[in-house]
Amino acid sequence: MSTRTSAPDRRASSRFPIEREIRYKVLTKKNSEEIGVGKTVNMSRKGVYFTTDRMLPAGRRVEISISWPAQLNHRCALQLVARGSVVRCENGGAAMEIEQHEFKTRGTDSAGGLQ
């Protein structure tokens, strides 16, 4: 019989399972933009784990735009825009530490996606 105990969760903030559409942009000093799409898996006040269509190396700075379920004045769609650094990337997912965030009103492009 094993008496093995699981390691305690070292996260400072509780994570909540939230699945929302996401667009991300890798912030570089070059003029070229690396952009991608995915979905959030879970979020906390300090971080986001999301699916990604490419590897995002740890340390890369990214900006994410998340379609937010609440509306401003019950009629204007919102998006959460956050900037931070990738802390982990594995098997089609990336974890990002949030350094700055703000809510913006959300428009749609011709394909019906996030701006």
PDB file of N, CA and C in Angstrom:
ATOM      1  N   MET A   1       0.830  -1.171   0.000  1.00  0.00           N
ATOM      2  CA  MET A   1       0.000   0.000   0.000  1.00  0.00           C
ATOM      3  C   MET A   1       0.887   1.251   0.000  1.00  0.00           C
ATOM      4  N   SER A   2       0.600   2.175  -0.873  1.00  0.00           N
ATOM      5  CA  SER A   2       1.412   3.382  -1.004  1.00  0.00           C
ATOM      6  C   SER A   2       0.879   4.494  -0.104  1.00  0.00           C
ATOM      7  N   THR A   3       1.772   5.221   0.493  1.00  0.00           N
ATOM      8  CA  THR A   3       1.387   6.377   1.314  1.00  0.00           C
ATOM      9  C   THR A   3       1.774   7.670   0.623  1.00  0.00           C
ATOM     10  N   ARG A   4       1.873   7.609  -0.680  1.00  0.00           N
ATOM     11  CA  ARG A   4       2.275   8.762  -1.473  1.00  0.00           C
ATOM     12  C   ARG A   4       1.219   9.858  -1.400  1.00  0.00           C
ATOM     13  N   THR A   5       1.659  11.089  -1.178  1.00  0.00           N
ATOM     14  CA  THR A   5       0.730  12.216  -1.143  1.00  0.00           C
ATOM     15  C   THR A   5       0.975  13.093  -2.355  1.00  0.00           C
ATOM     16  N   SER A   6      -0.062  13.749  -2.806  1.00  0.00           N
ATOM     17  CA  SER A   6       0.100  14.630  -3.958  1.00  0.00           C
ATOM     18  C   SER A   6       0.716  15.953  -3.502  1.00  0.00           C
ATOM     19  N   ALA A   7       1.451  16.559  -4.424  1.00  0.00           N
ATOM     20  CA  ALA A   7       2.092  17.838  -4.129  1.00  0.00           C
ATOM     21  C   ALA A   7       1.027  18.921  -4.023  1.00  0.00           C
ATOM     22  N   PRO A   8       1.196  19.861  -3.118  1.00  0.00           N
ATOM     23  CA  PRO A   8       0.217  20.947  -2.992  1.00  0.00           C
ATOM     24  C   PRO A   8       0.245  21.851  -4.222  1.00  0.00           C
ATOM     25  N   ASP A   9      -0.891  22.427  -4.549  1.00  0.00           N
ATOM     26  CA  ASP A   9      -0.996  23.362  -5.668  1.00  0.00           C
ATOM     27  C   ASP A   9      -0.332  24.662  -5.253  1.00  0.00           C
ATOM     28  N   ARG A  10       0.687  25.111  -6.009  1.00  0.00           N
ATOM     29  CA  ARG A  10       1.448  26.302  -5.641  1.00  0.00           C
ATOM     30  C   ARG A  10       0.872  27.573  -6.236  1.00  0.00           C
ATOM     31  N   ARG A  11      -0.216  27.472  -6.967  1.00  0.00           N
ATOM     32  CA  ARG A  11      -0.790  28.664  -7.584  1.00  0.00           C
ATOM     33  C   ARG A  11      -1.303  29.620  -6.521  1.00  0.00           C
ATOM     34  N   ALA A  12      -1.063  30.897  -6.748  1.00  0.00           N
ATOM     35  CA  ALA A  12      -1.503  31.918  -5.798  1.00  0.00           C
ATOM     36  C   ALA A  12      -2.984  32.251  -5.971  1.00  0.00           C
ATOM     37  N   SER A  13      -3.556  31.963  -7.156  1.00  0.00           N
ATOM     38  CA  SER A  13      -4.951  32.286  -7.435  1.00  0.00           C
ATOM     39  C   SER A  13      -5.704  31.040  -7.893  1.00  0.00           C
ATOM     40  N   SER A  14      -6.962  30.944  -7.496  1.00  0.00           N
ATOM     41  CA  SER A  14      -7.791  29.831  -7.936  1.00  0.00           C
ATOM     42  C   SER A  14      -8.054  29.951  -9.431  1.00  0.00           C
ATOM     43  N   ARG A  15      -8.056  28.810 -10.119  1.00  0.00           N
ATOM     44  CA  ARG A  15      -8.354  28.785 -11.549  1.00  0.00           C
ATOM     45  C   ARG A  15      -9.796  28.350 -11.738  1.00  0.00           C
ATOM     46  N   PHE A  16     -10.437  28.940 -12.748  1.00  0.00           N
ATOM     47  CA  PHE A  16     -11.829  28.638 -13.043  1.00  0.00           C
ATOM     48  C   PHE A  16     -11.932  28.126 -14.469  1.00  0.00           C
ATOM     49  N   PRO A  17     -12.642  27.021 -14.675  1.00  0.00           N
ATOM     50  CA  PRO A  17     -12.783  26.486 -16.029  1.00  0.00           C
ATOM     51  C   PRO A  17     -13.714  27.371 -16.852  1.00  0.00           C
ATOM     52  N   ILE A  18     -13.143  28.118 -17.780  1.00  0.00           N
ATOM     53  CA  ILE A  18     -13.902  29.030 -18.636  1.00  0.00           C
ATOM     54  C   ILE A  18     -13.469  28.766 -20.068  1.00  0.00           C
ATOM     55  N   GLU A  19     -14.435  28.448 -20.939  1.00  0.00           N
ATOM     56  CA  GLU A  19     -14.115  28.221 -22.342  1.00  0.00           C
ATOM     57  C   GLU A  19     -14.687  29.350 -23.187  1.00  0.00           C
ATOM     58  N   ARG A  20     -13.800  30.174 -23.717  1.00  0.00           N
ATOM     59  CA  ARG A  20     -14.176  31.314 -24.556  1.00  0.00           C
ATOM     60  C   ARG A  20     -13.229  31.375 -25.754  1.00  0.00           C
ATOM     61  N   GLU A  21     -13.711  31.945 -26.856  1.00  0.00           N
ATOM     62  CA  GLU A  21     -12.846  32.141 -28.022  1.00  0.00           C
ATOM     63  C   GLU A  21     -11.741  33.130 -27.675  1.00  0.00           C
ATOM     64  N   ILE A  22     -10.582  32.898 -28.258  1.00  0.00           N
ATOM     65  CA  ILE A  22      -9.430  33.753 -27.984  1.00  0.00           C
ATOM     66  C   ILE A  22      -8.645  33.982 -29.275  1.00  0.00           C
ATOM     67  N   ARG A  23      -8.120  35.162 -29.395  1.00  0.00           N
ATOM     68  CA  ARG A  23      -7.126  35.481 -30.431  1.00  0.00           C
ATOM     69  C   ARG A  23      -5.892  35.945 -29.682  1.00  0.00           C
ATOM     70  N   TYR A  24      -4.736  35.544 -30.187  1.00  0.00           N
ATOM     71  CA  TYR A  24      -3.507  36.006 -29.548  1.00  0.00           C
ATOM     72  C   TYR A  24      -2.544  36.537 -30.587  1.00  0.00           C
ATOM     73  N   LYS A  25      -1.685  37.433 -30.109  1.00  0.00           N
ATOM     74  CA  LYS A  25      -0.675  38.045 -30.954  1.00  0.00           C
ATOM     75  C   LYS A  25       0.634  38.005 -30.185  1.00  0.00           C
ATOM     76  N   VAL A  26       1.675  37.467 -30.810  1.00  0.00           N
ATOM     77  CA  VAL A  26       3.006  37.473 -30.211  1.00  0.00           C
ATOM     78  C   VAL A  26       3.581  38.859 -30.416  1.00  0.00           C
ATOM     79  N   LEU A  27       3.997  39.478 -29.345  1.00  0.00           N
ATOM     80  CA  LEU A  27       4.543  40.835 -29.399  1.00  0.00           C
ATOM     81  C   LEU A  27       6.040  40.758 -29.668  1.00  0.00           C
ATOM     82  N   THR A  28       6.440  41.299 -30.817  1.00  0.00           N
ATOM     83  CA  THR A  28       7.853  41.280 -31.201  1.00  0.00           C
ATOM     84  C   THR A  28       8.292  42.691 -31.558  1.00  0.00           C
ATOM     85  N   LYS A  29       9.579  42.889 -31.619  1.00  0.00           N
ATOM     86  CA  LYS A  29      10.125  44.181 -32.022  1.00  0.00           C
ATOM     87  C   LYS A  29      10.120  44.313 -33.543  1.00  0.00           C
ATOM     88  N   LYS A  30       9.958  43.198 -34.239  1.00  0.00           N
ATOM     89  CA  LYS A  30       9.902  43.213 -35.696  1.00  0.00           C
ATOM     90  C   LYS A  30       8.527  43.695 -36.137  1.00  0.00           C
ATOM     91  N   ASN A  31       8.418  44.091 -37.384  1.00  0.00           N
ATOM     92  CA  ASN A  31       7.134  44.526 -37.921  1.00  0.00           C
ATOM     93  C   ASN A  31       6.192  43.361 -38.214  1.00  0.00           C
ATOM     94  N   SER A  32       6.734  42.157 -38.358  1.00  0.00           N
ATOM     95  CA  SER A  32       5.885  41.006 -38.657  1.00  0.00           C
ATOM     96  C   SER A  32       5.105  40.597 -37.410  1.00  0.00           C
ATOM     97  N   GLU A  33       3.859  40.188 -37.614  1.00  0.00           N
ATOM     98  CA  GLU A  33       3.017  39.753 -36.504  1.00  0.00           C
ATOM     99  C   GLU A  33       2.798  38.258 -36.565  1.00  0.00           C
ATOM    100  N   GLU A  34       2.906  37.614 -35.442  1.00  0.00           N
ATOM    101  CA  GLU A  34       2.522  36.221 -35.321  1.00  0.00           C
ATOM    102  C   GLU A  34       1.188  36.214 -34.599  1.00  0.00           C
ATOM    103  N   ILE A  35       0.148  35.737 -35.261  1.00  0.00           N
ATOM    104  CA  ILE A  35      -1.173  35.714 -34.646  1.00  0.00           C
ATOM    105  C   ILE A  35      -1.725  34.300 -34.681  1.00  0.00           C
ATOM    106  N   GLY A  36      -2.669  34.027 -33.805  1.00  0.00           N
ATOM    107  CA  GLY A  36      -3.286  32.717 -33.759  1.00  0.00           C
ATOM    108  C   GLY A  36      -4.619  32.786 -33.045  1.00  0.00           C
ATOM    109  N   VAL A  37      -5.316  31.656 -33.055  1.00  0.00           N
ATOM    110  CA  VAL A  37      -6.611  31.553 -32.405  1.00  0.00           C
ATOM    111  C   VAL A  37      -6.624  30.317 -31.514  1.00  0.00           C
ATOM    112  N   GLY A  38      -7.564  30.301 -30.592  1.00  0.00           N
ATOM    113  CA  GLY A  38      -7.717  29.164 -29.703  1.00  0.00           C
ATOM    114  C   GLY A  38      -8.911  29.365 -28.800  1.00  0.00           C
ATOM    115  N   LYS A  39      -8.908  28.667 -27.680  1.00  0.00           N
ATOM    116  CA  LYS A  39      -9.960  28.782 -26.669  1.00  0.00           C
ATOM    117  C   LYS A  39      -9.316  28.760 -25.294  1.00  0.00           C
ATOM    118  N   THR A  40      -9.904  29.525 -24.393  1.00  0.00           N
ATOM    119  CA  THR A  40      -9.416  29.460 -23.020  1.00  0.00           C
ATOM    120  C   THR A  40      -9.806  28.103 -22.439  1.00  0.00           C
ATOM    121  N   VAL A  41      -8.978  27.577 -21.561  1.00  0.00           N
ATOM    122  CA  VAL A  41      -9.257  26.334 -20.840  1.00  0.00           C
ATOM    123  C   VAL A  41      -9.605  26.669 -19.402  1.00  0.00           C
ATOM    124  N   ASN A  42      -8.768  27.523 -18.792  1.00  0.00           N
ATOM    125  CA  ASN A  42      -9.054  28.013 -17.449  1.00  0.00           C
ATOM    126  C   ASN A  42      -8.390  29.365 -17.257  1.00  0.00           C
ATOM    127  N   MET A  43      -8.911  30.090 -16.269  1.00  0.00           N
ATOM    128  CA  MET A  43      -8.417  31.436 -16.007  1.00  0.00           C
ATOM    129  C   MET A  43      -8.378  31.700 -14.507  1.00  0.00           C
ATOM    130  N   SER A  44      -7.504  32.614 -14.128  1.00  0.00           N
ATOM    131  CA  SER A  44      -7.485  33.161 -12.774  1.00  0.00           C
ATOM    132  C   SER A  44      -7.241  34.654 -12.924  1.00  0.00           C
ATOM    133  N   ARG A  45      -7.154  35.345 -11.816  1.00  0.00           N
ATOM    134  CA  ARG A  45      -6.905  36.785 -11.922  1.00  0.00           C
ATOM    135  C   ARG A  45      -5.475  37.065 -12.361  1.00  0.00           C
ATOM    136  N   LYS A  46      -4.591  36.068 -12.299  1.00  0.00           N
ATOM    137  CA  LYS A  46      -3.186  36.270 -12.659  1.00  0.00           C
ATOM    138  C   LYS A  46      -2.734  35.515 -13.900  1.00  0.00           C
ATOM    139  N   GLY A  47      -3.588  34.650 -14.452  1.00  0.00           N
ATOM    140  CA  GLY A  47      -3.130  33.870 -15.589  1.00  0.00           C
ATOM    141  C   GLY A  47      -4.248  33.243 -16.394  1.00  0.00           C
ATOM    142  N   VAL A  48      -3.881  32.794 -17.586  1.00  0.00           N
ATOM    143  CA  VAL A  48      -4.810  32.146 -18.510  1.00  0.00           C
ATOM    144  C   VAL A  48      -4.104  30.948 -19.127  1.00  0.00           C
ATOM    145  N   TYR A  49      -4.805  29.819 -19.202  1.00  0.00           N
ATOM    146  CA  TYR A  49      -4.321  28.668 -19.959  1.00  0.00           C
ATOM    147  C   TYR A  49      -5.236  28.531 -21.156  1.00  0.00           C
ATOM    148  N   PHE A  50      -4.662  28.482 -22.373  1.00  0.00           N
ATOM    149  CA  PHE A  50      -5.463  28.449 -23.583  1.00  0.00           C
ATOM    150  C   PHE A  50      -4.873  27.503 -24.619  1.00  0.00           C
ATOM    151  N   THR A  51      -5.741  27.044 -25.528  1.00  0.00           N
ATOM    152  CA  THR A  51      -5.268  26.213 -26.622  1.00  0.00           C
ATOM    153  C   THR A  51      -4.597  27.104 -27.648  1.00  0.00           C
ATOM    154  N   THR A  52      -3.640  26.550 -28.360  1.00  0.00           N
ATOM    155  CA  THR A  52      -2.893  27.312 -29.347  1.00  0.00           C
ATOM    156  C   THR A  52      -2.590  26.435 -30.553  1.00  0.00           C
ATOM    157  N   ASP A  53      -2.499  27.057 -31.719  1.00  0.00           N
ATOM    158  CA  ASP A  53      -2.226  26.306 -32.936  1.00  0.00           C
ATOM    159  C   ASP A  53      -0.731  26.274 -33.270  1.00  0.00           C
ATOM    160  N   ARG A  54       0.106  26.802 -32.376  1.00  0.00           N
ATOM    161  CA  ARG A  54       1.555  26.745 -32.579  1.00  0.00           C
ATOM    162  C   ARG A  54       2.260  26.795 -31.230  1.00  0.00           C
ATOM    163  N   MET A  55       3.530  26.442 -31.231  1.00  0.00           N
ATOM    164  CA  MET A  55       4.318  26.504 -30.002  1.00  0.00           C
ATOM    165  C   MET A  55       4.629  27.962 -29.675  1.00  0.00           C
ATOM    166  N   LEU A  56       4.402  28.335 -28.446  1.00  0.00           N
ATOM    167  CA  LEU A  56       4.747  29.665 -27.951  1.00  0.00           C
ATOM    168  C   LEU A  56       5.796  29.474 -26.865  1.00  0.00           C
ATOM    169  N   PRO A  57       7.050  29.716 -27.178  1.00  0.00           N
ATOM    170  CA  PRO A  57       8.112  29.467 -26.205  1.00  0.00           C
ATOM    171  C   PRO A  57       7.942  30.278 -24.922  1.00  0.00           C
ATOM    172  N   ALA A  58       8.316  29.667 -23.809  1.00  0.00           N
ATOM    173  CA  ALA A  58       8.275  30.370 -22.521  1.00  0.00           C
ATOM    174  C   ALA A  58       9.095  31.645 -22.621  1.00  0.00           C
ATOM    175  N   GLY A  59       8.569  32.703 -22.027  1.00  0.00           N
ATOM    176  CA  GLY A  59       9.235  33.993 -22.045  1.00  0.00           C
ATOM    177  C   GLY A  59       8.727  34.926 -23.137  1.00  0.00           C
ATOM    178  N   ARG A  60       8.051  34.385 -24.151  1.00  0.00           N
ATOM    179  CA  ARG A  60       7.522  35.246 -25.220  1.00  0.00           C
ATOM    180  C   ARG A  60       6.416  36.114 -24.658  1.00  0.00           C
ATOM    181  N   ARG A  61       6.399  37.382 -25.072  1.00  0.00           N
ATOM    182  CA  ARG A  61       5.331  38.301 -24.668  1.00  0.00           C
ATOM    183  C   ARG A  61       4.184  38.161 -25.648  1.00  0.00           C
ATOM    184  N   VAL A  62       2.973  38.091 -25.126  1.00  0.00           N
ATOM    185  CA  VAL A  62       1.791  37.947 -25.964  1.00  0.00           C
ATOM    186  C   VAL A  62       0.689  38.895 -25.509  1.00  0.00           C
ATOM    187  N   GLU A  63      -0.198  39.196 -26.452  1.00  0.00           N
ATOM    188  CA  GLU A  63      -1.416  39.932 -26.151  1.00  0.00           C
ATOM    189  C   GLU A  63      -2.562  39.028 -26.559  1.00  0.00           C
ATOM    190  N   ILE A  64      -3.534  38.847 -25.670  1.00  0.00           N
ATOM    191  CA  ILE A  64      -4.680  38.007 -25.974  1.00  0.00           C
ATOM    192  C   ILE A  64      -5.958  38.835 -25.916  1.00  0.00           C
ATOM    193  N   SER A  65      -6.912  38.456 -26.745  1.00  0.00           N
ATOM    194  CA  SER A  65      -8.247  39.068 -26.738  1.00  0.00           C
ATOM    195  C   SER A  65      -9.241  37.936 -26.542  1.00  0.00           C
ATOM    196  N   ILE A  66     -10.020  38.024 -25.474  1.00  0.00           N
ATOM    197  CA  ILE A  66     -10.973  36.977 -25.119  1.00  0.00           C
ATOM    198  C   ILE A  66     -12.382  37.534 -25.236  1.00  0.00           C
ATOM    199  N   SER A  67     -13.242  36.833 -25.977  1.00  0.00           N
ATOM    200  CA  SER A  67     -14.651  37.248 -26.042  1.00  0.00           C
ATOM    201  C   SER A  67     -15.227  37.083 -24.641  1.00  0.00           C
ATOM    202  N   TRP A  68     -15.799  38.126 -24.093  1.00  0.00           N
ATOM    203  CA  TRP A  68     -16.286  38.102 -22.710  1.00  0.00           C
ATOM    204  C   TRP A  68     -17.790  37.854 -22.708  1.00  0.00           C
ATOM    205  N   PRO A  69     -18.285  37.023 -21.802  1.00  0.00           N
ATOM    206  CA  PRO A  69     -19.715  36.674 -21.825  1.00  0.00           C
ATOM    207  C   PRO A  69     -20.647  37.802 -21.375  1.00  0.00           C
ATOM    208  N   ALA A  70     -20.142  38.756 -20.587  1.00  0.00           N
ATOM    209  CA  ALA A  70     -20.990  39.855 -20.106  1.00  0.00           C
ATOM    210  C   ALA A  70     -21.026  40.972 -21.139  1.00  0.00           C
ATOM    211  N   GLN A  71     -22.071  41.785 -21.074  1.00  0.00           N
ATOM    212  CA  GLN A  71     -22.212  42.920 -21.978  1.00  0.00           C
ATOM    213  C   GLN A  71     -22.265  44.219 -21.188  1.00  0.00           C
ATOM    214  N   LEU A  72     -21.792  45.271 -21.808  1.00  0.00           N
ATOM    215  CA  LEU A  72     -21.861  46.598 -21.218  1.00  0.00           C
ATOM    216  C   LEU A  72     -23.267  47.134 -21.436  1.00  0.00           C
ATOM    217  N   ASN A  73     -23.926  47.538 -20.357  1.00  0.00           N
ATOM    218  CA  ASN A  73     -25.309  48.043 -20.424  1.00  0.00           C
ATOM    219  C   ASN A  73     -26.267  47.069 -21.096  1.00  0.00           C
ATOM    220  N   HIS A  74     -25.982  45.789 -20.994  1.00  0.00           N
ATOM    221  CA  HIS A  74     -26.819  44.714 -21.539  1.00  0.00           C
ATOM    222  C   HIS A  74     -26.972  44.755 -23.051  1.00  0.00           C
ATOM    223  N   ARG A  75     -26.085  45.469 -23.766  1.00  0.00           N
ATOM    224  CA  ARG A  75     -26.237  45.505 -25.223  1.00  0.00           C
ATOM    225  C   ARG A  75     -24.934  45.627 -26.001  1.00  0.00           C
ATOM    226  N   CYS A  76     -23.835  45.930 -25.352  1.00  0.00           N
ATOM    227  CA  CYS A  76     -22.567  46.112 -26.066  1.00  0.00           C
ATOM    228  C   CYS A  76     -21.596  44.996 -25.672  1.00  0.00           C
ATOM    229  N   ALA A  77     -21.194  44.188 -26.660  1.00  0.00           N
ATOM    230  CA  ALA A  77     -20.283  43.070 -26.410  1.00  0.00           C
ATOM    231  C   ALA A  77     -18.920  43.577 -25.936  1.00  0.00           C
ATOM    232  N   LEU A  78     -18.299  42.806 -25.059  1.00  0.00           N
ATOM    233  CA  LEU A  78     -16.994  43.168 -24.500  1.00  0.00           C
ATOM    234  C   LEU A  78     -15.949  42.119 -24.840  1.00  0.00           C
ATOM    235  N   GLN A  79     -14.705  42.546 -24.780  1.00  0.00           N
ATOM    236  CA  GLN A  79     -13.594  41.614 -24.851  1.00  0.00           C
ATOM    237  C   GLN A  79     -12.582  41.993 -23.780  1.00  0.00           C
ATOM    238  N   LEU A  80     -11.950  40.980 -23.216  1.00  0.00           N
ATOM    239  CA  LEU A  80     -10.872  41.188 -22.263  1.00  0.00           C
ATOM    240  C   LEU A  80      -9.581  41.144 -23.056  1.00  0.00           C
ATOM    241  N   VAL A  81      -8.807  42.206 -22.984  1.00  0.00           N
ATOM    242  CA  VAL A  81      -7.513  42.266 -23.650  1.00  0.00           C
ATOM    243  C   VAL A  81      -6.455  42.251 -22.565  1.00  0.00           C
ATOM    244  N   ALA A  82      -5.543  41.288 -22.646  1.00  0.00           N
ATOM    245  CA  ALA A  82      -4.511  41.149 -21.624  1.00  0.00           C
ATOM    246  C   ALA A  82      -3.151  40.961 -22.286  1.00  0.00           C
ATOM    247  N   ARG A  83      -2.124  41.462 -21.618  1.00  0.00           N
ATOM    248  CA  ARG A  83      -0.744  41.276 -22.064  1.00  0.00           C
ATOM    249  C   ARG A  83       0.023  40.592 -20.955  1.00  0.00           C
ATOM    250  N   GLY A  84       0.990  39.800 -21.369  1.00  0.00           N
ATOM    251  CA  GLY A  84       1.815  39.120 -20.395  1.00  0.00           C
ATOM    252  C   GLY A  84       2.833  38.226 -21.065  1.00  0.00           C
ATOM    253  N   SER A  85       3.380  37.313 -20.299  1.00  0.00           N
ATOM    254  CA  SER A  85       4.426  36.415 -20.790  1.00  0.00           C
ATOM    255  C   SER A  85       3.977  34.968 -20.702  1.00  0.00           C
ATOM    256  N   VAL A  86       4.377  34.201 -21.704  1.00  0.00           N
ATOM    257  CA  VAL A  86       4.125  32.761 -21.704  1.00  0.00           C
ATOM    258  C   VAL A  86       5.023  32.141 -20.643  1.00  0.00           C
ATOM    259  N   VAL A  87       4.434  31.342 -19.762  1.00  0.00           N
ATOM    260  CA  VAL A  87       5.230  30.673 -18.738  1.00  0.00           C
ATOM    261  C   VAL A  87       5.390  29.182 -19.024  1.00  0.00           C
ATOM    262  N   ARG A  88       4.515  28.644 -19.908  1.00  0.00           N
ATOM    263  CA  ARG A  88       4.582  27.221 -20.238  1.00  0.00           C
ATOM    264  C   ARG A  88       3.826  26.977 -21.541  1.00  0.00           C
ATOM    265  N   CYS A  89       4.345  26.083 -22.384  1.00  0.00           N
ATOM    266  CA  CYS A  89       3.647  25.682 -23.603  1.00  0.00           C
ATOM    267  C   CYS A  89       3.836  24.179 -23.772  1.00  0.00           C
ATOM    268  N   GLU A  90       2.721  23.471 -23.968  1.00  0.00           N
ATOM    269  CA  GLU A  90       2.793  22.018 -24.077  1.00  0.00           C
ATOM    270  C   GLU A  90       1.581  21.474 -24.815  1.00  0.00           C
ATOM    271  N   ASN A  91       1.773  20.511 -25.662  1.00  0.00           N
ATOM    272  CA  ASN A  91       0.696  19.765 -26.317  1.00  0.00           C
ATOM    273  C   ASN A  91      -0.501  20.602 -26.737  1.00  0.00           C
ATOM    274  N   GLY A  92      -0.274  21.635 -27.509  1.00  0.00           N
ATOM    275  CA  GLY A  92      -1.372  22.439 -28.033  1.00  0.00           C
ATOM    276  C   GLY A  92      -1.973  23.428 -27.058  1.00  0.00           C
ATOM    277  N   GLY A  93      -1.270  23.730 -25.973  1.00  0.00           N
ATOM    278  CA  GLY A  93      -1.769  24.701 -25.001  1.00  0.00           C
ATOM    279  C   GLY A  93      -0.640  25.555 -24.467  1.00  0.00           C
ATOM    280  N   ALA A  94      -0.996  26.751 -24.007  1.00  0.00           N
ATOM    281  CA  ALA A  94      -0.001  27.663 -23.440  1.00  0.00           C
ATOM    282  C   ALA A  94      -0.573  28.315 -22.187  1.00  0.00           C
ATOM    283  N   ALA A  95       0.282  28.533 -21.204  1.00  0.00           N
ATOM    284  CA  ALA A  95      -0.091  29.247 -19.987  1.00  0.00           C
ATOM    285  C   ALA A  95       0.583  30.607 -20.018  1.00  0.00           C
ATOM    286  N   MET A  96      -0.198  31.630 -19.717  1.00  0.00           N
ATOM    287  CA  MET A  96       0.297  32.998 -19.762  1.00  0.00           C
ATOM    288  C   MET A  96       0.076  33.664 -18.409  1.00  0.00           C
ATOM    289  N   GLU A  97       1.084  34.374 -17.931  1.00  0.00           N
ATOM    290  CA  GLU A  97       0.938  35.190 -16.728  1.00  0.00           C
ATOM    291  C   GLU A  97       0.460  36.569 -17.160  1.00  0.00           C
ATOM    292  N   ILE A  98      -0.662  37.028 -16.593  1.00  0.00           N
ATOM    293  CA  ILE A  98      -1.217  38.332 -16.952  1.00  0.00           C
ATOM    294  C   ILE A  98      -0.451  39.432 -16.220  1.00  0.00           C
ATOM    295  N   GLU A  99       0.045  40.401 -17.003  1.00  0.00           N
ATOM    296  CA  GLU A  99       0.752  41.545 -16.438  1.00  0.00           C
ATOM    297  C   GLU A  99      -0.081  42.822 -16.529  1.00  0.00           C
ATOM    298  N   GLN A 100      -0.908  42.944 -17.578  1.00  0.00           N
ATOM    299  CA  GLN A 100      -1.808  44.087 -17.767  1.00  0.00           C
ATOM    300  C   GLN A 100      -3.100  43.559 -18.372  1.00  0.00           C
ATOM    301  N   HIS A 101      -4.214  44.216 -18.049  1.00  0.00           N
ATOM    302  CA  HIS A 101      -5.471  43.839 -18.694  1.00  0.00           C
ATOM    303  C   HIS A 101      -6.432  45.020 -18.719  1.00  0.00           C
ATOM    304  N   GLU A 102      -7.376  44.961 -19.666  1.00  0.00           N
ATOM    305  CA  GLU A 102      -8.429  45.968 -19.749  1.00  0.00           C
ATOM    306  C   GLU A 102      -9.597  45.368 -20.526  1.00  0.00           C
ATOM    307  N   PHE A 103     -10.776  45.896 -20.270  1.00  0.00           N
ATOM    308  CA  PHE A 103     -11.953  45.511 -21.037  1.00  0.00           C
ATOM    309  C   PHE A 103     -12.178  46.551 -22.120  1.00  0.00           C
ATOM    310  N   LYS A 104     -12.511  46.076 -23.325  1.00  0.00           N
ATOM    311  CA  LYS A 104     -12.808  46.960 -24.443  1.00  0.00           C
ATOM    312  C   LYS A 104     -14.138  46.530 -25.040  1.00  0.00           C
ATOM    313  N   THR A 105     -14.798  47.470 -25.710  1.00  0.00           N
ATOM    314  CA  THR A 105     -15.997  47.079 -26.441  1.00  0.00           C
ATOM    315  C   THR A 105     -15.544  46.291 -27.653  1.00  0.00           C
ATOM    316  N   ARG A 106     -16.379  45.354 -28.072  1.00  0.00           N
ATOM    317  CA  ARG A 106     -15.993  44.432 -29.130  1.00  0.00           C
ATOM    318  C   ARG A 106     -16.822  44.637 -30.381  1.00  0.00           C
ATOM    319  N   GLY A 107     -16.154  44.819 -31.485  1.00  0.00           N
ATOM    320  CA  GLY A 107     -16.825  44.836 -32.781  1.00  0.00           C
ATOM    321  C   GLY A 107     -16.636  43.477 -33.413  1.00  0.00           C
ATOM    322  N   THR A 108     -17.205  43.294 -34.583  1.00  0.00           N
ATOM    323  CA  THR A 108     -16.992  42.044 -35.308  1.00  0.00           C
ATOM    324  C   THR A 108     -16.418  42.364 -36.672  1.00  0.00           C
ATOM    325  N   ASP A 109     -15.603  41.430 -37.171  1.00  0.00           N
ATOM    326  CA  ASP A 109     -15.108  41.584 -38.539  1.00  0.00           C
ATOM    327  C   ASP A 109     -16.107  40.959 -39.487  1.00  0.00           C
ATOM    328  N   SER A 110     -15.820  40.968 -40.757  1.00  0.00           N
ATOM    329  CA  SER A 110     -16.766  40.459 -41.745  1.00  0.00           C
ATOM    330  C   SER A 110     -17.033  38.971 -41.604  1.00  0.00           C
ATOM    331  N   ALA A 111     -16.132  38.241 -40.959  1.00  0.00           N
ATOM    332  CA  ALA A 111     -16.324  36.805 -40.760  1.00  0.00           C
ATOM    333  C   ALA A 111     -17.043  36.519 -39.446  1.00  0.00           C
ATOM    334  N   GLY A 112     -17.378  37.558 -38.683  1.00  0.00           N
ATOM    335  CA  GLY A 112     -18.098  37.366 -37.434  1.00  0.00           C
ATOM    336  C   GLY A 112     -17.218  37.043 -36.243  1.00  0.00           C
ATOM    337  N   GLY A 113     -15.895  37.208 -36.388  1.00  0.00           N
ATOM    338  CA  GLY A 113     -14.983  36.885 -35.304  1.00  0.00           C
ATOM    339  C   GLY A 113     -14.621  38.090 -34.476  1.00  0.00           C
ATOM    340  N   LEU A 114     -13.660  37.925 -33.603  1.00  0.00           N
ATOM    341  CA  LEU A 114     -13.187  39.019 -32.764  1.00  0.00           C
ATOM    342  C   LEU A 114     -12.333  39.956 -33.572  1.00  0.00           C
ATOM    343  N   GLN A 115     -12.311  41.192 -33.153  1.00  0.00           N
ATOM    344  CA  GLN A 115     -11.385  42.157 -33.772  1.00  0.00           C
ATOM    345  C   GLN A 115     -10.027  41.982 -33.164  1.00  0.00           C
TER     346      GLN A 115
END
